[in-house]
mmCIF file of all heavy atoms, coordinates in Angstrom:
data_MODEL
# 
_entry.id   MODEL 
# 
loop_
_atom_site.group_PDB 
_atom_site.id 
_atom_site.type_symbol 
_atom_site.label_atom_id 
_atom_site.label_alt_id 
_atom_site.label_comp_id 
_atom_site.label_asym_id 
_atom_site.label_entity_id 
_atom_site.label_seq_id 
_atom_site.pdbx_PDB_ins_code 
_atom_site.Cartn_x 
_atom_site.Cartn_y 
_atom_site.Cartn_z 
_atom_site.occupancy 
_atom_site.B_iso_or_equiv 
_atom_site.pdbx_formal_charge 
_atom_site.auth_seq_id 
_atom_site.auth_comp_id 
_atom_site.auth_asym_id 
_atom_site.auth_atom_id 
_atom_site.pdbx_PDB_model_num 
ATOM 1   N N   . VAL A 1 1  ? 0.849  -1.189 0.000   1.00 0.00 ? 1  VAL A N   1 
ATOM 2   C CA  . VAL A 1 1  ? 0.000  0.000  0.000   1.00 0.00 ? 1  VAL A CA  1 
ATOM 3   C C   . VAL A 1 1  ? 0.889  1.245  0.000   1.00 0.00 ? 1  VAL A C   1 
ATOM 4   O O   . VAL A 1 1  ? 1.637  1.494  0.939   1.00 0.00 ? 1  VAL A O   1 
ATOM 5   C CB  . VAL A 1 1  ? -0.934 0.020  1.223   1.00 0.00 ? 1  VAL A CB  1 
ATOM 6   C CG1 . VAL A 1 1  ? -1.850 1.237  1.172   1.00 0.00 ? 1  VAL A CG1 1 
ATOM 7   C CG2 . VAL A 1 1  ? -1.743 -1.278 1.309   1.00 0.00 ? 1  VAL A CG2 1 
ATOM 8   N N   . PHE A 1 2  ? 0.800  2.002  -1.093  1.00 0.00 ? 2  PHE A N   1 
ATOM 9   C CA  . PHE A 1 2  ? 1.486  3.280  -1.221  1.00 0.00 ? 2  PHE A CA  1 
ATOM 10  C C   . PHE A 1 2  ? 0.461  4.376  -0.993  1.00 0.00 ? 2  PHE A C   1 
ATOM 11  O O   . PHE A 1 2  ? -0.596 4.369  -1.625  1.00 0.00 ? 2  PHE A O   1 
ATOM 12  C CB  . PHE A 1 2  ? 2.059  3.461  -2.634  1.00 0.00 ? 2  PHE A CB  1 
ATOM 13  C CG  . PHE A 1 2  ? 3.127  2.485  -3.006  1.00 0.00 ? 2  PHE A CG  1 
ATOM 14  C CD1 . PHE A 1 2  ? 2.807  1.291  -3.640  1.00 0.00 ? 2  PHE A CD1 1 
ATOM 15  C CD2 . PHE A 1 2  ? 4.454  2.762  -2.752  1.00 0.00 ? 2  PHE A CD2 1 
ATOM 16  C CE1 . PHE A 1 2  ? 3.798  0.400  -4.018  1.00 0.00 ? 2  PHE A CE1 1 
ATOM 17  C CE2 . PHE A 1 2  ? 5.452  1.874  -3.120  1.00 0.00 ? 2  PHE A CE2 1 
ATOM 18  C CZ  . PHE A 1 2  ? 5.130  0.690  -3.751  1.00 0.00 ? 2  PHE A CZ  1 
ATOM 19  N N   . GLN A 1 3  ? 0.762  5.307  -0.132  1.00 0.00 ? 3  GLN A N   1 
ATOM 20  C CA  . GLN A 1 3  ? -0.128 6.445  0.071   1.00 0.00 ? 3  GLN A CA  1 
ATOM 21  C C   . GLN A 1 3  ? 0.710  7.706  -0.039  1.00 0.00 ? 3  GLN A C   1 
ATOM 22  O O   . GLN A 1 3  ? 1.706  7.868  0.663   1.00 0.00 ? 3  GLN A O   1 
ATOM 23  C CB  . GLN A 1 3  ? -0.808 6.370  1.433   1.00 0.00 ? 3  GLN A CB  1 
ATOM 24  C CG  . GLN A 1 3  ? -1.818 7.482  1.641   1.00 0.00 ? 3  GLN A CG  1 
ATOM 25  C CD  . GLN A 1 3  ? -2.622 7.282  2.908   1.00 0.00 ? 3  GLN A CD  1 
ATOM 26  O OE1 . GLN A 1 3  ? -3.220 6.231  3.095   1.00 0.00 ? 3  GLN A OE1 1 
ATOM 27  N NE2 . GLN A 1 3  ? -2.631 8.272  3.761   1.00 0.00 ? 3  GLN A NE2 1 
ATOM 28  N N   . GLY A 1 4  ? 0.333  8.577  -0.965  1.00 0.00 ? 4  GLY A N   1 
ATOM 29  C CA  . GLY A 1 4  ? 1.100  9.801  -1.175  1.00 0.00 ? 4  GLY A CA  1 
ATOM 30  C C   . GLY A 1 4  ? 0.322  10.811 -1.983  1.00 0.00 ? 4  GLY A C   1 
ATOM 31  O O   . GLY A 1 4  ? -0.816 10.589 -2.362  1.00 0.00 ? 4  GLY A O   1 
ATOM 32  N N   . ARG A 1 5  ? 1.006  11.914 -2.259  1.00 0.00 ? 5  ARG A N   1 
ATOM 33  C CA  . ARG A 1 5  ? 0.404  12.980 -3.067  1.00 0.00 ? 5  ARG A CA  1 
ATOM 34  C C   . ARG A 1 5  ? 0.670  12.673 -4.537  1.00 0.00 ? 5  ARG A C   1 
ATOM 35  O O   . ARG A 1 5  ? 1.812  12.492 -4.940  1.00 0.00 ? 5  ARG A O   1 
ATOM 36  C CB  . ARG A 1 5  ? 0.979  14.338 -2.690  1.00 0.00 ? 5  ARG A CB  1 
ATOM 37  C CG  . ARG A 1 5  ? 0.246  15.487 -3.361  1.00 0.00 ? 5  ARG A CG  1 
ATOM 38  C CD  . ARG A 1 5  ? 0.785  16.834 -2.932  1.00 0.00 ? 5  ARG A CD  1 
ATOM 39  N NE  . ARG A 1 5  ? 0.610  17.100 -1.529  1.00 0.00 ? 5  ARG A NE  1 
ATOM 40  C CZ  . ARG A 1 5  ? -0.487 17.623 -0.968  1.00 0.00 ? 5  ARG A CZ  1 
ATOM 41  N NH1 . ARG A 1 5  ? -1.538 17.888 -1.724  1.00 0.00 ? 5  ARG A NH1 1 
ATOM 42  N NH2 . ARG A 1 5  ? -0.541 17.856 0.321   1.00 0.00 ? 5  ARG A NH2 1 
ATOM 43  N N   . LEU A 1 6  ? -0.400 12.608 -5.320  1.00 0.00 ? 6  LEU A N   1 
ATOM 44  C CA  . LEU A 1 6  ? -0.317 12.245 -6.735  1.00 0.00 ? 6  LEU A CA  1 
ATOM 45  C C   . LEU A 1 6  ? 0.139  13.433 -7.574  1.00 0.00 ? 6  LEU A C   1 
ATOM 46  O O   . LEU A 1 6  ? -0.353 14.548 -7.400  1.00 0.00 ? 6  LEU A O   1 
ATOM 47  C CB  . LEU A 1 6  ? -1.687 11.771 -7.228  1.00 0.00 ? 6  LEU A CB  1 
ATOM 48  C CG  . LEU A 1 6  ? -1.767 11.357 -8.688  1.00 0.00 ? 6  LEU A CG  1 
ATOM 49  C CD1 . LEU A 1 6  ? -0.933 10.108 -8.944  1.00 0.00 ? 6  LEU A CD1 1 
ATOM 50  C CD2 . LEU A 1 6  ? -3.210 11.134 -9.091  1.00 0.00 ? 6  LEU A CD2 1 
ATOM 51  N N   . ASN A 1 7  ? 1.059  13.179 -8.480  1.00 0.00 ? 7  ASN A N   1 
ATOM 52  C CA  . ASN A 1 7  ? 1.514  14.168 -9.450  1.00 0.00 ? 7  ASN A CA  1 
ATOM 53  C C   . ASN A 1 7  ? 1.434  13.542 -10.826 1.00 0.00 ? 7  ASN A C   1 
ATOM 54  O O   . ASN A 1 7  ? 2.042  12.493 -11.068 1.00 0.00 ? 7  ASN A O   1 
ATOM 55  C CB  . ASN A 1 7  ? 2.963  14.581 -9.158  1.00 0.00 ? 7  ASN A CB  1 
ATOM 56  C CG  . ASN A 1 7  ? 3.078  15.296 -7.843  1.00 0.00 ? 7  ASN A CG  1 
ATOM 57  O OD1 . ASN A 1 7  ? 2.802  16.478 -7.758  1.00 0.00 ? 7  ASN A OD1 1 
ATOM 58  N ND2 . ASN A 1 7  ? 3.469  14.573 -6.810  1.00 0.00 ? 7  ASN A ND2 1 
ATOM 59  N N   . LEU A 1 8  ? 0.674  14.171 -11.723 1.00 0.00 ? 8  LEU A N   1 
ATOM 60  C CA  . LEU A 1 8  ? 0.514  13.658 -13.081 1.00 0.00 ? 8  LEU A CA  1 
ATOM 61  C C   . LEU A 1 8  ? 1.497  14.345 -14.013 1.00 0.00 ? 8  LEU A C   1 
ATOM 62  O O   . LEU A 1 8  ? 1.752  15.539 -13.880 1.00 0.00 ? 8  LEU A O   1 
ATOM 63  C CB  . LEU A 1 8  ? -0.912 13.886 -13.569 1.00 0.00 ? 8  LEU A CB  1 
ATOM 64  C CG  . LEU A 1 8  ? -2.013 13.241 -12.717 1.00 0.00 ? 8  LEU A CG  1 
ATOM 65  C CD1 . LEU A 1 8  ? -3.385 13.629 -13.246 1.00 0.00 ? 8  LEU A CD1 1 
ATOM 66  C CD2 . LEU A 1 8  ? -1.844 11.739 -12.679 1.00 0.00 ? 8  LEU A CD2 1 
ATOM 67  N N   . THR A 1 9  ? 2.049  13.572 -14.963 1.00 0.00 ? 9  THR A N   1 
ATOM 68  C CA  . THR A 1 9  ? 2.978  14.130 -15.936 1.00 0.00 ? 9  THR A CA  1 
ATOM 69  C C   . THR A 1 9  ? 2.265  14.297 -17.276 1.00 0.00 ? 9  THR A C   1 
ATOM 70  O O   . THR A 1 9  ? 1.220  13.685 -17.513 1.00 0.00 ? 9  THR A O   1 
ATOM 71  C CB  . THR A 1 9  ? 4.210  13.218 -16.114 1.00 0.00 ? 9  THR A CB  1 
ATOM 72  O OG1 . THR A 1 9  ? 3.785  11.978 -16.687 1.00 0.00 ? 9  THR A OG1 1 
ATOM 73  C CG2 . THR A 1 9  ? 4.895  12.956 -14.777 1.00 0.00 ? 9  THR A CG2 1 
ATOM 74  N N   . GLU A 1 10 ? 2.838  15.105 -18.154 1.00 0.00 ? 10 GLU A N   1 
ATOM 75  C CA  . GLU A 1 10 ? 2.221  15.365 -19.458 1.00 0.00 ? 10 GLU A CA  1 
ATOM 76  C C   . GLU A 1 10 ? 2.229  14.145 -20.371 1.00 0.00 ? 10 GLU A C   1 
ATOM 77  O O   . GLU A 1 10 ? 1.431  14.060 -21.290 1.00 0.00 ? 10 GLU A O   1 
ATOM 78  C CB  . GLU A 1 10 ? 2.927  16.531 -20.141 1.00 0.00 ? 10 GLU A CB  1 
ATOM 79  C CG  . GLU A 1 10 ? 2.684  17.857 -19.462 1.00 0.00 ? 10 GLU A CG  1 
ATOM 80  C CD  . GLU A 1 10 ? 3.377  19.006 -20.167 1.00 0.00 ? 10 GLU A CD  1 
ATOM 81  O OE1 . GLU A 1 10 ? 3.845  18.820 -21.304 1.00 0.00 ? 10 GLU A OE1 1 
ATOM 82  O OE2 . GLU A 1 10 ? 3.440  20.088 -19.571 1.00 0.00 ? 10 GLU A OE2 1 
ATOM 83  N N   . ASP A 1 11 ? 3.127  13.191 -20.113 1.00 0.00 ? 11 ASP A N   1 
ATOM 84  C CA  . ASP A 1 11 ? 3.232  12.022 -20.988 1.00 0.00 ? 11 ASP A CA  1 
ATOM 85  C C   . ASP A 1 11 ? 2.394  10.834 -20.516 1.00 0.00 ? 11 ASP A C   1 
ATOM 86  O O   . ASP A 1 11 ? 2.578  9.715  -20.974 1.00 0.00 ? 11 ASP A O   1 
ATOM 87  C CB  . ASP A 1 11 ? 4.685  11.604 -21.173 1.00 0.00 ? 11 ASP A CB  1 
ATOM 88  C CG  . ASP A 1 11 ? 5.373  11.218 -19.874 1.00 0.00 ? 11 ASP A CG  1 
ATOM 89  O OD1 . ASP A 1 11 ? 4.753  11.377 -18.796 1.00 0.00 ? 11 ASP A OD1 1 
ATOM 90  O OD2 . ASP A 1 11 ? 6.519  10.761 -19.921 1.00 0.00 ? 11 ASP A OD2 1 
ATOM 91  N N   . GLY A 1 12 ? 1.469  11.046 -19.592 1.00 0.00 ? 12 GLY A N   1 
ATOM 92  C CA  . GLY A 1 12 ? 0.543  9.996  -19.187 1.00 0.00 ? 12 GLY A CA  1 
ATOM 93  C C   . GLY A 1 12 ? 0.994  9.144  -18.020 1.00 0.00 ? 12 GLY A C   1 
ATOM 94  O O   . GLY A 1 12 ? 0.354  8.156  -17.694 1.00 0.00 ? 12 GLY A O   1 
ATOM 95  N N   . ALA A 1 13 ? 2.085  9.508  -17.401 1.00 0.00 ? 13 ALA A N   1 
ATOM 96  C CA  . ALA A 1 13 ? 2.548  8.777  -16.219 1.00 0.00 ? 13 ALA A CA  1 
ATOM 97  C C   . ALA A 1 13 ? 2.134  9.546  -14.968 1.00 0.00 ? 13 ALA A C   1 
ATOM 98  O O   . ALA A 1 13 ? 1.587  10.636 -15.045 1.00 0.00 ? 13 ALA A O   1 
ATOM 99  C CB  . ALA A 1 13 ? 4.065  8.602  -16.262 1.00 0.00 ? 13 ALA A CB  1 
ATOM 100 N N   . ALA A 1 14 ? 2.402  8.937  -13.854 1.00 0.00 ? 14 ALA A N   1 
ATOM 101 C CA  . ALA A 1 14 ? 2.087  9.576  -12.583 1.00 0.00 ? 14 ALA A CA  1 
ATOM 102 C C   . ALA A 1 14 ? 3.144  9.160  -11.579 1.00 0.00 ? 14 ALA A C   1 
ATOM 103 O O   . ALA A 1 14 ? 3.751  8.097  -11.709 1.00 0.00 ? 14 ALA A O   1 
ATOM 104 C CB  . ALA A 1 14 ? 0.710  9.137  -12.101 1.00 0.00 ? 14 ALA A CB  1 
ATOM 105 N N   . PHE A 1 15 ? 3.371  10.011 -10.598 1.00 0.00 ? 15 PHE A N   1 
ATOM 106 C CA  . PHE A 1 15 ? 4.215  9.570  -9.501  1.00 0.00 ? 15 PHE A CA  1 
ATOM 107 C C   . PHE A 1 15 ? 3.594  10.008 -8.197  1.00 0.00 ? 15 PHE A C   1 
ATOM 108 O O   . PHE A 1 15 ? 2.884  11.007 -8.111  1.00 0.00 ? 15 PHE A O   1 
ATOM 109 C CB  . PHE A 1 15 ? 5.672  10.044 -9.650  1.00 0.00 ? 15 PHE A CB  1 
ATOM 110 C CG  . PHE A 1 15 ? 5.892  11.522 -9.532  1.00 0.00 ? 15 PHE A CG  1 
ATOM 111 C CD1 . PHE A 1 15 ? 6.167  12.106 -8.304  1.00 0.00 ? 15 PHE A CD1 1 
ATOM 112 C CD2 . PHE A 1 15 ? 5.851  12.328 -10.652 1.00 0.00 ? 15 PHE A CD2 1 
ATOM 113 C CE1 . PHE A 1 15 ? 6.389  13.467 -8.198  1.00 0.00 ? 15 PHE A CE1 1 
ATOM 114 C CE2 . PHE A 1 15 ? 6.074  13.694 -10.561 1.00 0.00 ? 15 PHE A CE2 1 
ATOM 115 C CZ  . PHE A 1 15 ? 6.347  14.261 -9.325  1.00 0.00 ? 15 PHE A CZ  1 
ATOM 116 N N   . LEU A 1 16 ? 3.836  9.190  -7.188  1.00 0.00 ? 16 LEU A N   1 
ATOM 117 C CA  . LEU A 1 16 ? 3.384  9.494  -5.839  1.00 0.00 ? 16 LEU A CA  1 
ATOM 118 C C   . LEU A 1 16 ? 4.556  10.047 -5.063  1.00 0.00 ? 16 LEU A C   1 
ATOM 119 O O   . LEU A 1 16 ? 5.643  9.464  -5.072  1.00 0.00 ? 16 LEU A O   1 
ATOM 120 C CB  . LEU A 1 16 ? 2.882  8.231  -5.129  1.00 0.00 ? 16 LEU A CB  1 
ATOM 121 C CG  . LEU A 1 16 ? 1.508  7.727  -5.461  1.00 0.00 ? 16 LEU A CG  1 
ATOM 122 C CD1 . LEU A 1 16 ? 1.174  6.515  -4.599  1.00 0.00 ? 16 LEU A CD1 1 
ATOM 123 C CD2 . LEU A 1 16 ? 0.467  8.795  -5.261  1.00 0.00 ? 16 LEU A CD2 1 
ATOM 124 N N   . ASP A 1 17 ? 4.328  11.150 -4.390  1.00 0.00 ? 17 ASP A N   1 
ATOM 125 C CA  . ASP A 1 17 ? 5.320  11.705 -3.485  1.00 0.00 ? 17 ASP A CA  1 
ATOM 126 C C   . ASP A 1 17 ? 5.027  11.131 -2.107  1.00 0.00 ? 17 ASP A C   1 
ATOM 127 O O   . ASP A 1 17 ? 3.997  11.408 -1.509  1.00 0.00 ? 17 ASP A O   1 
ATOM 128 C CB  . ASP A 1 17 ? 5.234  13.220 -3.467  1.00 0.00 ? 17 ASP A CB  1 
ATOM 129 C CG  . ASP A 1 17 ? 6.249  13.870 -2.547  1.00 0.00 ? 17 ASP A CG  1 
ATOM 130 O OD1 . ASP A 1 17 ? 6.937  13.158 -1.785  1.00 0.00 ? 17 ASP A OD1 1 
ATOM 131 O OD2 . ASP A 1 17 ? 6.351  15.102 -2.585  1.00 0.00 ? 17 ASP A OD2 1 
ATOM 132 N N   . LEU A 1 18 ? 5.934  10.289 -1.623  1.00 0.00 ? 18 LEU A N   1 
ATOM 133 C CA  . LEU A 1 18 ? 5.784  9.652  -0.317  1.00 0.00 ? 18 LEU A CA  1 
ATOM 134 C C   . LEU A 1 18 ? 6.673  10.360 0.693   1.00 0.00 ? 18 LEU A C   1 
ATOM 135 O O   . LEU A 1 18 ? 7.584  9.779  1.257   1.00 0.00 ? 18 LEU A O   1 
ATOM 136 C CB  . LEU A 1 18 ? 6.165  8.169  -0.389  1.00 0.00 ? 18 LEU A CB  1 
ATOM 137 C CG  . LEU A 1 18 ? 5.380  7.311  -1.353  1.00 0.00 ? 18 LEU A CG  1 
ATOM 138 C CD1 . LEU A 1 18 ? 5.996  5.940  -1.487  1.00 0.00 ? 18 LEU A CD1 1 
ATOM 139 C CD2 . LEU A 1 18 ? 3.944  7.205  -0.908  1.00 0.00 ? 18 LEU A CD2 1 
ATOM 140 N N   . GLY A 1 19 ? 6.449  11.652 0.885   1.00 0.00 ? 19 GLY A N   1 
ATOM 141 C CA  . GLY A 1 19 ? 7.241  12.394 1.851   1.00 0.00 ? 19 GLY A CA  1 
ATOM 142 C C   . GLY A 1 19 ? 8.672  12.607 1.405   1.00 0.00 ? 19 GLY A C   1 
ATOM 143 O O   . GLY A 1 19 ? 9.595  12.480 2.199   1.00 0.00 ? 19 GLY A O   1 
ATOM 144 N N   . GLY A 1 20 ? 8.881  12.914 0.128   1.00 0.00 ? 20 GLY A N   1 
ATOM 145 C CA  . GLY A 1 20 ? 10.217 13.165 -0.392  1.00 0.00 ? 20 GLY A CA  1 
ATOM 146 C C   . GLY A 1 20 ? 10.763 12.049 -1.260  1.00 0.00 ? 20 GLY A C   1 
ATOM 147 O O   . GLY A 1 20 ? 11.773 12.210 -1.919  1.00 0.00 ? 20 GLY A O   1 
ATOM 148 N N   . THR A 1 21 ? 10.114 10.902 -1.277  1.00 0.00 ? 21 THR A N   1 
ATOM 149 C CA  . THR A 1 21 ? 10.486 9.792  -2.146  1.00 0.00 ? 21 THR A CA  1 
ATOM 150 C C   . THR A 1 21 ? 9.417  9.666  -3.221  1.00 0.00 ? 21 THR A C   1 
ATOM 151 O O   . THR A 1 21 ? 8.228  9.636  -2.914  1.00 0.00 ? 21 THR A O   1 
ATOM 152 C CB  . THR A 1 21 ? 10.582 8.475  -1.352  1.00 0.00 ? 21 THR A CB  1 
ATOM 153 O OG1 . THR A 1 21 ? 11.613 8.597  -0.387  1.00 0.00 ? 21 THR A OG1 1 
ATOM 154 C CG2 . THR A 1 21 ? 10.863 7.299  -2.263  1.00 0.00 ? 21 THR A CG2 1 
ATOM 155 N N   . SER A 1 22 ? 9.838  9.593  -4.476  1.00 0.00 ? 22 SER A N   1 
ATOM 156 C CA  . SER A 1 22 ? 8.888  9.490  -5.582  1.00 0.00 ? 22 SER A CA  1 
ATOM 157 C C   . SER A 1 22 ? 8.840  8.063  -6.100  1.00 0.00 ? 22 SER A C   1 
ATOM 158 O O   . SER A 1 22 ? 9.875  7.429  -6.286  1.00 0.00 ? 22 SER A O   1 
ATOM 159 C CB  . SER A 1 22 ? 9.289  10.423 -6.724  1.00 0.00 ? 22 SER A CB  1 
ATOM 160 O OG  . SER A 1 22 ? 9.207  11.762 -6.314  1.00 0.00 ? 22 SER A OG  1 
ATOM 161 N N   . VAL A 1 23 ? 7.624  7.585  -6.348  1.00 0.00 ? 23 VAL A N   1 
ATOM 162 C CA  . VAL A 1 23 ? 7.409  6.262  -6.936  1.00 0.00 ? 23 VAL A CA  1 
ATOM 163 C C   . VAL A 1 23 ? 6.605  6.471  -8.212  1.00 0.00 ? 23 VAL A C   1 
ATOM 164 O O   . VAL A 1 23 ? 5.504  7.023  -8.180  1.00 0.00 ? 23 VAL A O   1 
ATOM 165 C CB  . VAL A 1 23 ? 6.668  5.315  -5.962  1.00 0.00 ? 23 VAL A CB  1 
ATOM 166 C CG1 . VAL A 1 23 ? 6.442  3.961  -6.605  1.00 0.00 ? 23 VAL A CG1 1 
ATOM 167 C CG2 . VAL A 1 23 ? 7.438  5.172  -4.656  1.00 0.00 ? 23 VAL A CG2 1 
ATOM 168 N N   . LEU A 1 24 ? 7.171  6.022  -9.340  1.00 0.00 ? 24 LEU A N   1 
ATOM 169 C CA  . LEU A 1 24 ? 6.564  6.215  -10.654 1.00 0.00 ? 24 LEU A CA  1 
ATOM 170 C C   . LEU A 1 24 ? 5.543  5.119  -10.953 1.00 0.00 ? 24 LEU A C   1 
ATOM 171 O O   . LEU A 1 24 ? 5.777  3.950  -10.672 1.00 0.00 ? 24 LEU A O   1 
ATOM 172 C CB  . LEU A 1 24 ? 7.659  6.207  -11.724 1.00 0.00 ? 24 LEU A CB  1 
ATOM 173 C CG  . LEU A 1 24 ? 7.256  6.498  -13.157 1.00 0.00 ? 24 LEU A CG  1 
ATOM 174 C CD1 . LEU A 1 24 ? 6.728  7.923  -13.294 1.00 0.00 ? 24 LEU A CD1 1 
ATOM 175 C CD2 . LEU A 1 24 ? 8.449  6.304  -14.083 1.00 0.00 ? 24 LEU A CD2 1 
ATOM 176 N N   . PHE A 1 25 ? 4.418  5.520  -11.541 1.00 0.00 ? 25 PHE A N   1 
ATOM 177 C CA  . PHE A 1 25 ? 3.353  4.602  -11.958 1.00 0.00 ? 25 PHE A CA  1 
ATOM 178 C C   . PHE A 1 25 ? 2.922  4.952  -13.371 1.00 0.00 ? 25 PHE A C   1 
ATOM 179 O O   . PHE A 1 25 ? 3.001  6.105  -13.781 1.00 0.00 ? 25 PHE A O   1 
ATOM 180 C CB  . PHE A 1 25 ? 2.109  4.740  -11.057 1.00 0.00 ? 25 PHE A CB  1 
ATOM 181 C CG  . PHE A 1 25 ? 2.265  4.199  -9.675  1.00 0.00 ? 25 PHE A CG  1 
ATOM 182 C CD1 . PHE A 1 25 ? 2.768  4.998  -8.661  1.00 0.00 ? 25 PHE A CD1 1 
ATOM 183 C CD2 . PHE A 1 25 ? 1.889  2.908  -9.375  1.00 0.00 ? 25 PHE A CD2 1 
ATOM 184 C CE1 . PHE A 1 25 ? 2.900  4.511  -7.371  1.00 0.00 ? 25 PHE A CE1 1 
ATOM 185 C CE2 . PHE A 1 25 ? 2.019  2.411  -8.090  1.00 0.00 ? 25 PHE A CE2 1 
ATOM 186 C CZ  . PHE A 1 25 ? 2.526  3.215  -7.088  1.00 0.00 ? 25 PHE A CZ  1 
ATOM 187 N N   . ASP A 1 26 ? 2.402  3.964  -14.102 1.00 0.00 ? 26 ASP A N   1 
ATOM 188 C CA  . ASP A 1 26 ? 1.747  4.222  -15.379 1.00 0.00 ? 26 ASP A CA  1 
ATOM 189 C C   . ASP A 1 26 ? 0.255  4.358  -15.132 1.00 0.00 ? 26 ASP A C   1 
ATOM 190 O O   . ASP A 1 26 ? -0.296 3.736  -14.218 1.00 0.00 ? 26 ASP A O   1 
ATOM 191 C CB  . ASP A 1 26 ? 1.992  3.072  -16.365 1.00 0.00 ? 26 ASP A CB  1 
ATOM 192 C CG  . ASP A 1 26 ? 3.425  3.047  -16.870 1.00 0.00 ? 26 ASP A CG  1 
ATOM 193 O OD1 . ASP A 1 26 ? 4.012  4.131  -17.042 1.00 0.00 ? 26 ASP A OD1 1 
ATOM 194 O OD2 . ASP A 1 26 ? 3.954  1.948  -17.093 1.00 0.00 ? 26 ASP A OD2 1 
ATOM 195 N N   . VAL A 1 27 ? -0.394 5.179  -15.965 1.00 0.00 ? 27 VAL A N   1 
ATOM 196 C CA  . VAL A 1 27 ? -1.843 5.376  -15.874 1.00 0.00 ? 27 VAL A CA  1 
ATOM 197 C C   . VAL A 1 27 ? -2.421 5.087  -17.253 1.00 0.00 ? 27 VAL A C   1 
ATOM 198 O O   . VAL A 1 27 ? -2.152 5.823  -18.199 1.00 0.00 ? 27 VAL A O   1 
ATOM 199 C CB  . VAL A 1 27 ? -2.191 6.821  -15.445 1.00 0.00 ? 27 VAL A CB  1 
ATOM 200 C CG1 . VAL A 1 27 ? -3.695 6.997  -15.359 1.00 0.00 ? 27 VAL A CG1 1 
ATOM 201 C CG2 . VAL A 1 27 ? -1.527 7.180  -14.129 1.00 0.00 ? 27 VAL A CG2 1 
ATOM 202 N N   . PRO A 1 28 ? -3.186 3.995  -17.394 1.00 0.00 ? 28 PRO A N   1 
ATOM 203 C CA  . PRO A 1 28 ? -3.737 3.658  -18.708 1.00 0.00 ? 28 PRO A CA  1 
ATOM 204 C C   . PRO A 1 28 ? -4.907 4.570  -19.084 1.00 0.00 ? 28 PRO A C   1 
ATOM 205 O O   . PRO A 1 28 ? -5.958 4.549  -18.450 1.00 0.00 ? 28 PRO A O   1 
ATOM 206 C CB  . PRO A 1 28 ? -4.207 2.210  -18.536 1.00 0.00 ? 28 PRO A CB  1 
ATOM 207 C CG  . PRO A 1 28 ? -4.533 2.100  -17.078 1.00 0.00 ? 28 PRO A CG  1 
ATOM 208 C CD  . PRO A 1 28 ? -3.576 3.038  -16.377 1.00 0.00 ? 28 PRO A CD  1 
ATOM 209 N N   . GLY A 1 29 ? -4.717 5.389  -20.095 1.00 0.00 ? 29 GLY A N   1 
ATOM 210 C CA  . GLY A 1 29 ? -5.789 6.254  -20.581 1.00 0.00 ? 29 GLY A CA  1 
ATOM 211 C C   . GLY A 1 29 ? -6.247 7.265  -19.546 1.00 0.00 ? 29 GLY A C   1 
ATOM 212 O O   . GLY A 1 29 ? -5.589 7.500  -18.555 1.00 0.00 ? 29 GLY A O   1 
# 
């Protein structure tokens, strides 16, 4: 379980900010 502040990128990806650590995710559509 990752809980963080979501940041969306222009190329369709997203990353969660977990208090200074970023975890990258893909977002389909």
